[in-house]
Amino acid sequence: MPHVHEGSQTAGNGQFAIVVARYNESITNGLLSGALSTLTAAGVEDEKIDVVWVPGAFEIPLIAHKIACTGDYAAVLCLGAVIRGATTHDQHINRAVSLGIVESSLSSGVPVLFGVLTCDSLEQALERSGEGEHNKGAECARSALEMASLLEKLAPKNE
């Protein structure tokens, strides 16, 4: 039988950072609410959560990378909302943000989670940022808890 390793969605000892875009704040506030509710329901104390606001989604990767590289956090959640408009601007922003977030995670060794909505309409964004199980902020927080737990389990044991 193979050894199976997986994380849990319960609070460990780590701190969590949440980077939130102010642009589309009516949407990102809902994402933040979902993330905070999920983390605290899992047992993460308020004192172990730092929220950092940035102007827009494009600015998320830089700040997330700076935070992840401090080594002070078990995970960094990135929350934002990019809604398609009349031009292809959203596609360029989405590509840059997603690549920046994954690069931050890989280079820092800290889970940097993608909780950025990439929606075709305001209605879709409202649906994904409202109350309930489909809230992308809550989903991002569950993934952050699980990844932080898994990395803790996979850490080399000191002898």
N, C-alpha and C. Protein backbone atom coordinates (compact mmCIF):
# COMPACT_ATOMS: atom_id res chain seq x y z
N MET A 1 0.84 -1.18 0.00
CA MET A 1 0.00 0.00 0.00
C MET A 1 0.89 1.25 0.00
N PRO A 2 0.64 2.22 -0.87
CA PRO A 2 1.46 3.44 -0.91
C PRO A 2 1.18 4.33 0.29
N HIS A 3 2.14 5.17 0.61
CA HIS A 3 1.96 6.17 1.66
C HIS A 3 1.22 7.35 1.04
N VAL A 4 0.13 7.73 1.63
CA VAL A 4 -0.68 8.85 1.14
C VAL A 4 -0.47 10.04 2.06
N HIS A 5 -0.17 11.17 1.47
CA HIS A 5 0.03 12.40 2.23
C HIS A 5 -0.99 13.43 1.76
N GLU A 6 -1.69 14.02 2.71
CA GLU A 6 -2.60 15.10 2.38
C GLU A 6 -2.75 16.02 3.58
N GLY A 7 -3.10 17.26 3.30
CA GLY A 7 -3.28 18.23 4.36
C GLY A 7 -4.69 18.21 4.90
N SER A 8 -4.88 18.97 5.95
CA SER A 8 -6.21 19.09 6.54
C SER A 8 -6.63 20.56 6.52
N GLN A 9 -7.89 20.79 6.71
CA GLN A 9 -8.39 22.17 6.71
C GLN A 9 -8.62 22.66 8.13
N THR A 10 -7.62 22.45 8.95
CA THR A 10 -7.67 22.93 10.33
C THR A 10 -6.48 23.85 10.57
N ALA A 11 -6.61 24.72 11.55
CA ALA A 11 -5.55 25.68 11.85
C ALA A 11 -4.33 24.97 12.40
N GLY A 12 -3.20 25.35 11.90
CA GLY A 12 -1.93 24.90 12.47
C GLY A 12 -1.40 26.02 13.34
N ASN A 13 -0.09 26.14 13.37
CA ASN A 13 0.53 27.18 14.18
C ASN A 13 0.86 28.43 13.39
N GLY A 14 0.65 28.40 12.09
CA GLY A 14 1.13 29.47 11.24
C GLY A 14 0.24 30.69 11.16
N GLN A 15 0.84 31.73 10.63
CA GLN A 15 0.15 32.98 10.33
C GLN A 15 -0.32 32.93 8.88
N PHE A 16 -1.36 33.67 8.58
CA PHE A 16 -1.88 33.75 7.22
C PHE A 16 -1.95 35.22 6.81
N ALA A 17 -1.60 35.49 5.57
CA ALA A 17 -1.72 36.83 5.01
C ALA A 17 -2.75 36.78 3.89
N ILE A 18 -3.53 37.83 3.80
CA ILE A 18 -4.52 37.96 2.73
C ILE A 18 -4.24 39.27 2.00
N VAL A 19 -3.92 39.17 0.72
CA VAL A 19 -3.70 40.36 -0.11
C VAL A 19 -4.97 40.58 -0.92
N VAL A 20 -5.58 41.76 -0.76
CA VAL A 20 -6.88 42.04 -1.36
C VAL A 20 -6.79 43.27 -2.26
N ALA A 21 -7.32 43.13 -3.47
CA ALA A 21 -7.38 44.27 -4.39
C ALA A 21 -8.55 45.18 -4.03
N ARG A 22 -8.28 46.46 -3.99
CA ARG A 22 -9.34 47.44 -3.70
C ARG A 22 -10.23 47.65 -4.92
N TYR A 23 -9.69 47.50 -6.13
CA TYR A 23 -10.50 47.68 -7.34
C TYR A 23 -11.60 46.62 -7.35
N ASN A 24 -12.79 47.00 -7.67
CA ASN A 24 -13.98 46.14 -7.55
C ASN A 24 -14.22 45.76 -6.08
N GLU A 25 -14.07 46.75 -5.22
CA GLU A 25 -14.14 46.51 -3.77
C GLU A 25 -15.47 45.91 -3.32
N SER A 26 -16.55 46.21 -4.02
CA SER A 26 -17.83 45.61 -3.64
C SER A 26 -17.78 44.09 -3.80
N ILE A 27 -16.96 43.62 -4.71
CA ILE A 27 -16.76 42.18 -4.91
C ILE A 27 -15.70 41.65 -3.96
N THR A 28 -14.57 42.34 -3.86
CA THR A 28 -13.46 41.83 -3.06
C THR A 28 -13.78 41.82 -1.57
N ASN A 29 -14.66 42.71 -1.12
CA ASN A 29 -15.09 42.65 0.29
C ASN A 29 -15.78 41.33 0.58
N GLY A 30 -16.59 40.85 -0.37
CA GLY A 30 -17.25 39.55 -0.20
C GLY A 30 -16.26 38.41 -0.18
N LEU A 31 -15.23 38.49 -1.02
CA LEU A 31 -14.19 37.46 -1.03
C LEU A 31 -13.44 37.46 0.30
N LEU A 32 -13.10 38.64 0.78
CA LEU A 32 -12.40 38.76 2.06
C LEU A 32 -13.25 38.21 3.19
N SER A 33 -14.52 38.53 3.20
CA SER A 33 -15.42 38.02 4.24
C SER A 33 -15.46 36.50 4.23
N GLY A 34 -15.54 35.91 3.04
CA GLY A 34 -15.55 34.45 2.93
C GLY A 34 -14.26 33.83 3.43
N ALA A 35 -13.13 34.45 3.09
CA ALA A 35 -11.83 33.94 3.53
C ALA A 35 -11.68 34.03 5.05
N LEU A 36 -12.03 35.19 5.60
CA LEU A 36 -11.90 35.38 7.05
C LEU A 36 -12.81 34.42 7.82
N SER A 37 -14.03 34.26 7.36
CA SER A 37 -14.96 33.34 8.03
C SER A 37 -14.44 31.91 8.01
N THR A 38 -13.89 31.51 6.89
CA THR A 38 -13.37 30.14 6.76
C THR A 38 -12.16 29.92 7.65
N LEU A 39 -11.24 30.88 7.66
CA LEU A 39 -10.05 30.73 8.49
C LEU A 39 -10.41 30.70 9.98
N THR A 40 -11.26 31.61 10.41
CA THR A 40 -11.61 31.63 11.84
C THR A 40 -12.43 30.40 12.23
N ALA A 41 -13.29 29.92 11.33
CA ALA A 41 -14.06 28.71 11.63
C ALA A 41 -13.14 27.50 11.77
N ALA A 42 -11.99 27.55 11.11
CA ALA A 42 -11.02 26.45 11.19
C ALA A 42 -10.14 26.57 12.43
N GLY A 43 -10.30 27.65 13.18
CA GLY A 43 -9.53 27.81 14.41
C GLY A 43 -8.37 28.78 14.32
N VAL A 44 -8.23 29.49 13.22
CA VAL A 44 -7.16 30.49 13.11
C VAL A 44 -7.60 31.73 13.88
N GLU A 45 -6.78 32.16 14.82
CA GLU A 45 -7.09 33.33 15.63
C GLU A 45 -6.91 34.61 14.82
N ASP A 46 -7.71 35.62 15.12
CA ASP A 46 -7.63 36.90 14.41
C ASP A 46 -6.20 37.46 14.39
N GLU A 47 -5.50 37.29 15.48
CA GLU A 47 -4.14 37.81 15.60
C GLU A 47 -3.16 37.13 14.63
N LYS A 48 -3.57 36.01 14.07
CA LYS A 48 -2.70 35.27 13.15
C LYS A 48 -3.09 35.51 11.69
N ILE A 49 -3.89 36.55 11.46
CA ILE A 49 -4.31 36.89 10.11
C ILE A 49 -3.97 38.35 9.84
N ASP A 50 -3.21 38.60 8.78
CA ASP A 50 -2.91 39.96 8.36
C ASP A 50 -3.58 40.20 7.01
N VAL A 51 -4.28 41.32 6.89
CA VAL A 51 -4.94 41.70 5.64
C VAL A 51 -4.19 42.90 5.07
N VAL A 52 -3.81 42.80 3.81
CA VAL A 52 -3.07 43.85 3.13
C VAL A 52 -3.84 44.26 1.88
N TRP A 53 -4.19 45.53 1.79
CA TRP A 53 -4.94 46.04 0.63
C TRP A 53 -3.98 46.61 -0.40
N VAL A 54 -4.23 46.31 -1.67
CA VAL A 54 -3.47 46.86 -2.79
C VAL A 54 -4.47 47.54 -3.75
N PRO A 55 -3.99 48.43 -4.63
CA PRO A 55 -4.92 49.15 -5.51
C PRO A 55 -5.76 48.26 -6.42
N GLY A 56 -5.14 47.28 -7.06
CA GLY A 56 -5.88 46.43 -7.99
C GLY A 56 -5.25 45.06 -8.11
N ALA A 57 -5.85 44.22 -8.93
CA ALA A 57 -5.36 42.85 -9.10
C ALA A 57 -3.93 42.81 -9.62
N PHE A 58 -3.57 43.73 -10.49
CA PHE A 58 -2.23 43.74 -11.08
C PHE A 58 -1.15 43.89 -10.01
N GLU A 59 -1.46 44.55 -8.93
CA GLU A 59 -0.49 44.79 -7.85
C GLU A 59 -0.38 43.63 -6.86
N ILE A 60 -1.27 42.68 -6.93
CA ILE A 60 -1.27 41.56 -5.97
C ILE A 60 0.03 40.76 -5.98
N PRO A 61 0.57 40.33 -7.13
CA PRO A 61 1.74 39.45 -7.10
C PRO A 61 2.96 40.03 -6.40
N LEU A 62 3.24 41.32 -6.60
CA LEU A 62 4.42 41.92 -5.97
C LEU A 62 4.32 41.86 -4.45
N ILE A 63 3.19 42.29 -3.93
CA ILE A 63 3.02 42.30 -2.47
C ILE A 63 2.95 40.88 -1.91
N ALA A 64 2.26 40.00 -2.62
CA ALA A 64 2.19 38.59 -2.18
C ALA A 64 3.59 37.98 -2.12
N HIS A 65 4.41 38.29 -3.11
CA HIS A 65 5.78 37.76 -3.14
C HIS A 65 6.60 38.31 -1.97
N LYS A 66 6.50 39.62 -1.73
CA LYS A 66 7.23 40.23 -0.61
C LYS A 66 6.82 39.57 0.71
N ILE A 67 5.52 39.38 0.89
CA ILE A 67 5.02 38.76 2.12
C ILE A 67 5.49 37.31 2.24
N ALA A 68 5.36 36.55 1.16
CA ALA A 68 5.77 35.13 1.20
C ALA A 68 7.25 34.99 1.51
N CYS A 69 8.07 35.88 0.98
CA CYS A 69 9.52 35.78 1.17
C CYS A 69 9.97 36.14 2.58
N THR A 70 9.09 36.71 3.39
CA THR A 70 9.47 37.00 4.78
C THR A 70 9.66 35.72 5.58
N GLY A 71 8.97 34.65 5.16
CA GLY A 71 9.03 33.40 5.91
C GLY A 71 8.16 33.41 7.15
N ASP A 72 7.37 34.46 7.33
CA ASP A 72 6.54 34.60 8.52
C ASP A 72 5.16 33.96 8.38
N TYR A 73 4.80 33.53 7.17
CA TYR A 73 3.44 33.09 6.92
C TYR A 73 3.38 31.65 6.41
N ALA A 74 2.35 30.94 6.86
CA ALA A 74 2.12 29.57 6.39
C ALA A 74 1.52 29.58 5.00
N ALA A 75 0.80 30.65 4.65
CA ALA A 75 0.20 30.79 3.32
C ALA A 75 -0.19 32.24 3.09
N VAL A 76 -0.26 32.60 1.81
CA VAL A 76 -0.69 33.93 1.40
C VAL A 76 -1.87 33.76 0.45
N LEU A 77 -2.99 34.36 0.80
CA LEU A 77 -4.19 34.29 -0.04
C LEU A 77 -4.26 35.56 -0.88
N CYS A 78 -4.51 35.42 -2.17
CA CYS A 78 -4.60 36.56 -3.07
C CYS A 78 -6.04 36.68 -3.56
N LEU A 79 -6.68 37.81 -3.25
CA LEU A 79 -8.08 38.00 -3.58
C LEU A 79 -8.26 39.24 -4.45
N GLY A 80 -8.97 39.06 -5.55
CA GLY A 80 -9.24 40.17 -6.45
C GLY A 80 -10.36 39.80 -7.40
N ALA A 81 -10.73 40.76 -8.24
CA ALA A 81 -11.79 40.51 -9.22
C ALA A 81 -11.48 41.29 -10.49
N VAL A 82 -11.35 40.55 -11.59
CA VAL A 82 -11.15 41.15 -12.91
C VAL A 82 -12.36 40.76 -13.74
N ILE A 83 -13.08 41.76 -14.21
CA ILE A 83 -14.31 41.51 -14.96
C ILE A 83 -14.12 41.96 -16.40
N ARG A 84 -14.47 41.09 -17.32
CA ARG A 84 -14.31 41.38 -18.75
C ARG A 84 -15.04 42.67 -19.13
N GLY A 85 -14.39 43.45 -19.94
CA GLY A 85 -15.00 44.67 -20.46
C GLY A 85 -15.08 44.61 -21.98
N ALA A 86 -15.05 45.75 -22.60
CA ALA A 86 -15.20 45.84 -24.05
C ALA A 86 -13.90 45.55 -24.80
N THR A 87 -12.77 45.55 -24.08
CA THR A 87 -11.47 45.29 -24.72
C THR A 87 -10.86 44.01 -24.16
N THR A 88 -9.65 43.69 -24.56
CA THR A 88 -8.95 42.50 -24.07
C THR A 88 -8.09 42.80 -22.83
N HIS A 89 -8.25 43.96 -22.26
CA HIS A 89 -7.47 44.37 -21.09
C HIS A 89 -7.52 43.32 -19.99
N ASP A 90 -8.68 42.75 -19.74
CA ASP A 90 -8.84 41.76 -18.67
C ASP A 90 -7.95 40.54 -18.89
N GLN A 91 -7.79 40.14 -20.14
CA GLN A 91 -6.97 38.97 -20.44
C GLN A 91 -5.50 39.20 -20.08
N HIS A 92 -5.02 40.41 -20.35
CA HIS A 92 -3.63 40.74 -20.03
C HIS A 92 -3.42 40.81 -18.52
N ILE A 93 -4.37 41.41 -17.83
CA ILE A 93 -4.28 41.48 -16.37
C ILE A 93 -4.33 40.07 -15.78
N ASN A 94 -5.29 39.27 -16.22
CA ASN A 94 -5.43 37.91 -15.68
C ASN A 94 -4.17 37.08 -15.89
N ARG A 95 -3.60 37.17 -17.08
CA ARG A 95 -2.38 36.40 -17.37
C ARG A 95 -1.24 36.84 -16.46
N ALA A 96 -1.04 38.14 -16.35
CA ALA A 96 0.05 38.65 -15.52
C ALA A 96 -0.13 38.28 -14.05
N VAL A 97 -1.34 38.41 -13.56
CA VAL A 97 -1.60 38.12 -12.15
C VAL A 97 -1.41 36.63 -11.87
N SER A 98 -1.96 35.77 -12.72
CA SER A 98 -1.85 34.33 -12.46
C SER A 98 -0.40 33.87 -12.54
N LEU A 99 0.35 34.35 -13.52
CA LEU A 99 1.76 33.97 -13.61
C LEU A 99 2.56 34.50 -12.43
N GLY A 100 2.26 35.73 -12.00
CA GLY A 100 2.96 36.31 -10.85
C GLY A 100 2.69 35.56 -9.56
N ILE A 101 1.47 35.13 -9.39
CA ILE A 101 1.11 34.40 -8.17
C ILE A 101 1.81 33.04 -8.13
N VAL A 102 1.77 32.31 -9.22
CA VAL A 102 2.41 30.99 -9.22
C VAL A 102 3.93 31.14 -9.07
N GLU A 103 4.51 32.16 -9.69
CA GLU A 103 5.95 32.38 -9.54
C GLU A 103 6.31 32.70 -8.09
N SER A 104 5.46 33.48 -7.43
CA SER A 104 5.69 33.82 -6.01
C SER A 104 5.68 32.57 -5.15
N SER A 105 4.74 31.70 -5.41
CA SER A 105 4.64 30.47 -4.64
C SER A 105 5.85 29.57 -4.85
N LEU A 106 6.22 29.38 -6.11
CA LEU A 106 7.33 28.48 -6.41
C LEU A 106 8.67 29.03 -5.91
N SER A 107 8.88 30.33 -6.06
CA SER A 107 10.18 30.88 -5.65
C SER A 107 10.31 31.03 -4.15
N SER A 108 9.20 31.22 -3.44
CA SER A 108 9.27 31.40 -1.99
C SER A 108 9.12 30.09 -1.22
N GLY A 109 8.50 29.09 -1.84
CA GLY A 109 8.23 27.85 -1.14
C GLY A 109 7.04 27.94 -0.20
N VAL A 110 6.31 29.03 -0.28
CA VAL A 110 5.13 29.26 0.55
C VAL A 110 3.91 29.17 -0.35
N PRO A 111 2.85 28.52 0.08
CA PRO A 111 1.63 28.51 -0.73
C PRO A 111 1.10 29.93 -0.92
N VAL A 112 1.01 30.34 -2.17
CA VAL A 112 0.41 31.63 -2.52
C VAL A 112 -0.79 31.27 -3.38
N LEU A 113 -1.99 31.47 -2.82
CA LEU A 113 -3.21 30.94 -3.40
C LEU A 113 -3.91 31.95 -4.30
N PHE A 114 -4.46 31.45 -5.40
CA PHE A 114 -5.14 32.25 -6.41
C PHE A 114 -6.63 32.34 -6.10
N GLY A 115 -7.03 33.45 -5.52
CA GLY A 115 -8.43 33.70 -5.24
C GLY A 115 -8.92 34.92 -6.01
N VAL A 116 -8.45 35.03 -7.24
CA VAL A 116 -8.81 36.17 -8.09
C VAL A 116 -9.89 35.72 -9.06
N LEU A 117 -11.02 36.39 -9.00
CA LEU A 117 -12.10 36.08 -9.93
C LEU A 117 -11.76 36.61 -11.32
N THR A 118 -12.03 35.82 -12.33
CA THR A 118 -11.82 36.21 -13.72
C THR A 118 -13.14 35.99 -14.44
N CYS A 119 -14.03 36.94 -14.32
CA CYS A 119 -15.43 36.75 -14.73
C CYS A 119 -15.76 37.49 -16.02
N ASP A 120 -16.77 36.96 -16.70
CA ASP A 120 -17.30 37.59 -17.91
C ASP A 120 -18.26 38.73 -17.59
N SER A 121 -18.84 38.72 -16.39
CA SER A 121 -19.85 39.72 -16.06
C SER A 121 -19.85 40.01 -14.56
N LEU A 122 -20.46 41.13 -14.23
CA LEU A 122 -20.63 41.51 -12.84
C LEU A 122 -21.48 40.48 -12.10
N GLU A 123 -22.48 39.95 -12.78
CA GLU A 123 -23.36 38.95 -12.16
C GLU A 123 -22.57 37.71 -11.74
N GLN A 124 -21.64 37.26 -12.59
CA GLN A 124 -20.80 36.11 -12.24
C GLN A 124 -19.93 36.43 -11.02
N ALA A 125 -19.37 37.64 -11.00
CA ALA A 125 -18.52 38.04 -9.88
C ALA A 125 -19.32 38.10 -8.58
N LEU A 126 -20.52 38.62 -8.65
CA LEU A 126 -21.37 38.68 -7.46
C LEU A 126 -21.71 37.28 -6.95
N GLU A 127 -21.96 36.37 -7.88
CA GLU A 127 -22.27 34.99 -7.50
C GLU A 127 -21.10 34.33 -6.79
N ARG A 128 -19.88 34.58 -7.26
CA ARG A 128 -18.69 33.94 -6.69
C ARG A 128 -18.16 34.64 -5.45
N SER A 129 -18.71 35.82 -5.13
CA SER A 129 -18.23 36.55 -3.95
C SER A 129 -19.29 36.66 -2.86
N GLY A 130 -20.45 36.08 -3.10
CA GLY A 130 -21.53 36.16 -2.12
C GLY A 130 -21.40 35.09 -1.05
N GLU A 131 -22.40 35.04 -0.20
CA GLU A 131 -22.40 34.05 0.87
C GLU A 131 -22.63 32.67 0.29
N GLY A 132 -22.06 31.67 0.94
CA GLY A 132 -22.28 30.30 0.52
C GLY A 132 -21.01 29.59 0.11
N GLU A 133 -21.17 28.34 -0.27
CA GLU A 133 -20.02 27.47 -0.55
C GLU A 133 -19.27 27.83 -1.82
N HIS A 134 -19.87 28.64 -2.70
CA HIS A 134 -19.20 28.99 -3.95
C HIS A 134 -18.39 30.27 -3.85
N ASN A 135 -18.25 30.82 -2.65
CA ASN A 135 -17.46 32.02 -2.46
C ASN A 135 -15.99 31.67 -2.70
N LYS A 136 -15.38 32.35 -3.66
CA LYS A 136 -14.00 32.06 -4.03
C LYS A 136 -13.02 32.39 -2.90
N GLY A 137 -13.34 33.37 -2.07
CA GLY A 137 -12.48 33.68 -0.92
C GLY A 137 -12.47 32.54 0.08
N ALA A 138 -13.64 31.95 0.34
CA ALA A 138 -13.73 30.80 1.24
C ALA A 138 -12.99 29.61 0.66
N GLU A 139 -13.16 29.39 -0.64
CA GLU A 139 -12.47 28.30 -1.33
C GLU A 139 -10.96 28.47 -1.24
N CYS A 140 -10.51 29.69 -1.43
CA CYS A 140 -9.08 30.00 -1.34
C CYS A 140 -8.55 29.73 0.07
N ALA A 141 -9.33 30.10 1.08
CA ALA A 141 -8.92 29.87 2.47
C ALA A 141 -8.83 28.38 2.78
N ARG A 142 -9.78 27.60 2.29
CA ARG A 142 -9.72 26.14 2.51
C ARG A 142 -8.45 25.56 1.88
N SER A 143 -8.13 26.02 0.69
CA SER A 143 -6.91 25.54 0.02
C SER A 143 -5.67 25.98 0.78
N ALA A 144 -5.67 27.20 1.31
CA ALA A 144 -4.53 27.69 2.08
C ALA A 144 -4.30 26.85 3.33
N LEU A 145 -5.38 26.54 4.04
CA LEU A 145 -5.27 25.70 5.23
C LEU A 145 -4.70 24.33 4.87
N GLU A 146 -5.22 23.75 3.82
CA GLU A 146 -4.79 22.41 3.41
C GLU A 146 -3.33 22.40 2.96
N MET A 147 -2.95 23.39 2.17
CA MET A 147 -1.56 23.44 1.70
C MET A 147 -0.58 23.71 2.84
N ALA A 148 -0.94 24.60 3.75
CA ALA A 148 -0.07 24.87 4.89
C ALA A 148 0.10 23.61 5.74
N SER A 149 -0.98 22.89 5.94
CA SER A 149 -0.93 21.64 6.70
C SER A 149 -0.08 20.59 5.99
N LEU A 150 -0.26 20.47 4.70
CA LEU A 150 0.51 19.48 3.93
C LEU A 150 2.00 19.80 3.95
N LEU A 151 2.35 21.05 3.76
CA LEU A 151 3.79 21.41 3.81
C LEU A 151 4.38 21.17 5.18
N GLU A 152 3.59 21.40 6.23
CA GLU A 152 4.06 21.13 7.58
C GLU A 152 4.32 19.63 7.76
N LYS A 153 3.45 18.80 7.22
CA LYS A 153 3.61 17.35 7.32
C LYS A 153 4.80 16.84 6.51
N LEU A 154 5.08 17.51 5.40
CA LEU A 154 6.16 17.07 4.51
C LEU A 154 7.52 17.69 4.86
N ALA A 155 7.55 18.56 5.86
CA ALA A 155 8.80 19.20 6.26
C ALA A 155 9.79 18.17 6.78
N PRO A 156 11.07 18.35 6.47
CA PRO A 156 12.07 17.40 6.98
C PRO A 156 12.06 17.36 8.50
N LYS A 157 12.20 16.19 9.03
CA LYS A 157 12.23 16.01 10.48
C LYS A 157 13.65 16.25 10.99
N ASN A 158 13.76 17.07 12.03
CA ASN A 158 15.07 17.31 12.65
C ASN A 158 15.41 16.13 13.53
N GLU A 159 16.64 15.69 13.42
CA GLU A 159 17.05 14.53 14.22
C GLU A 159 17.96 14.92 15.35
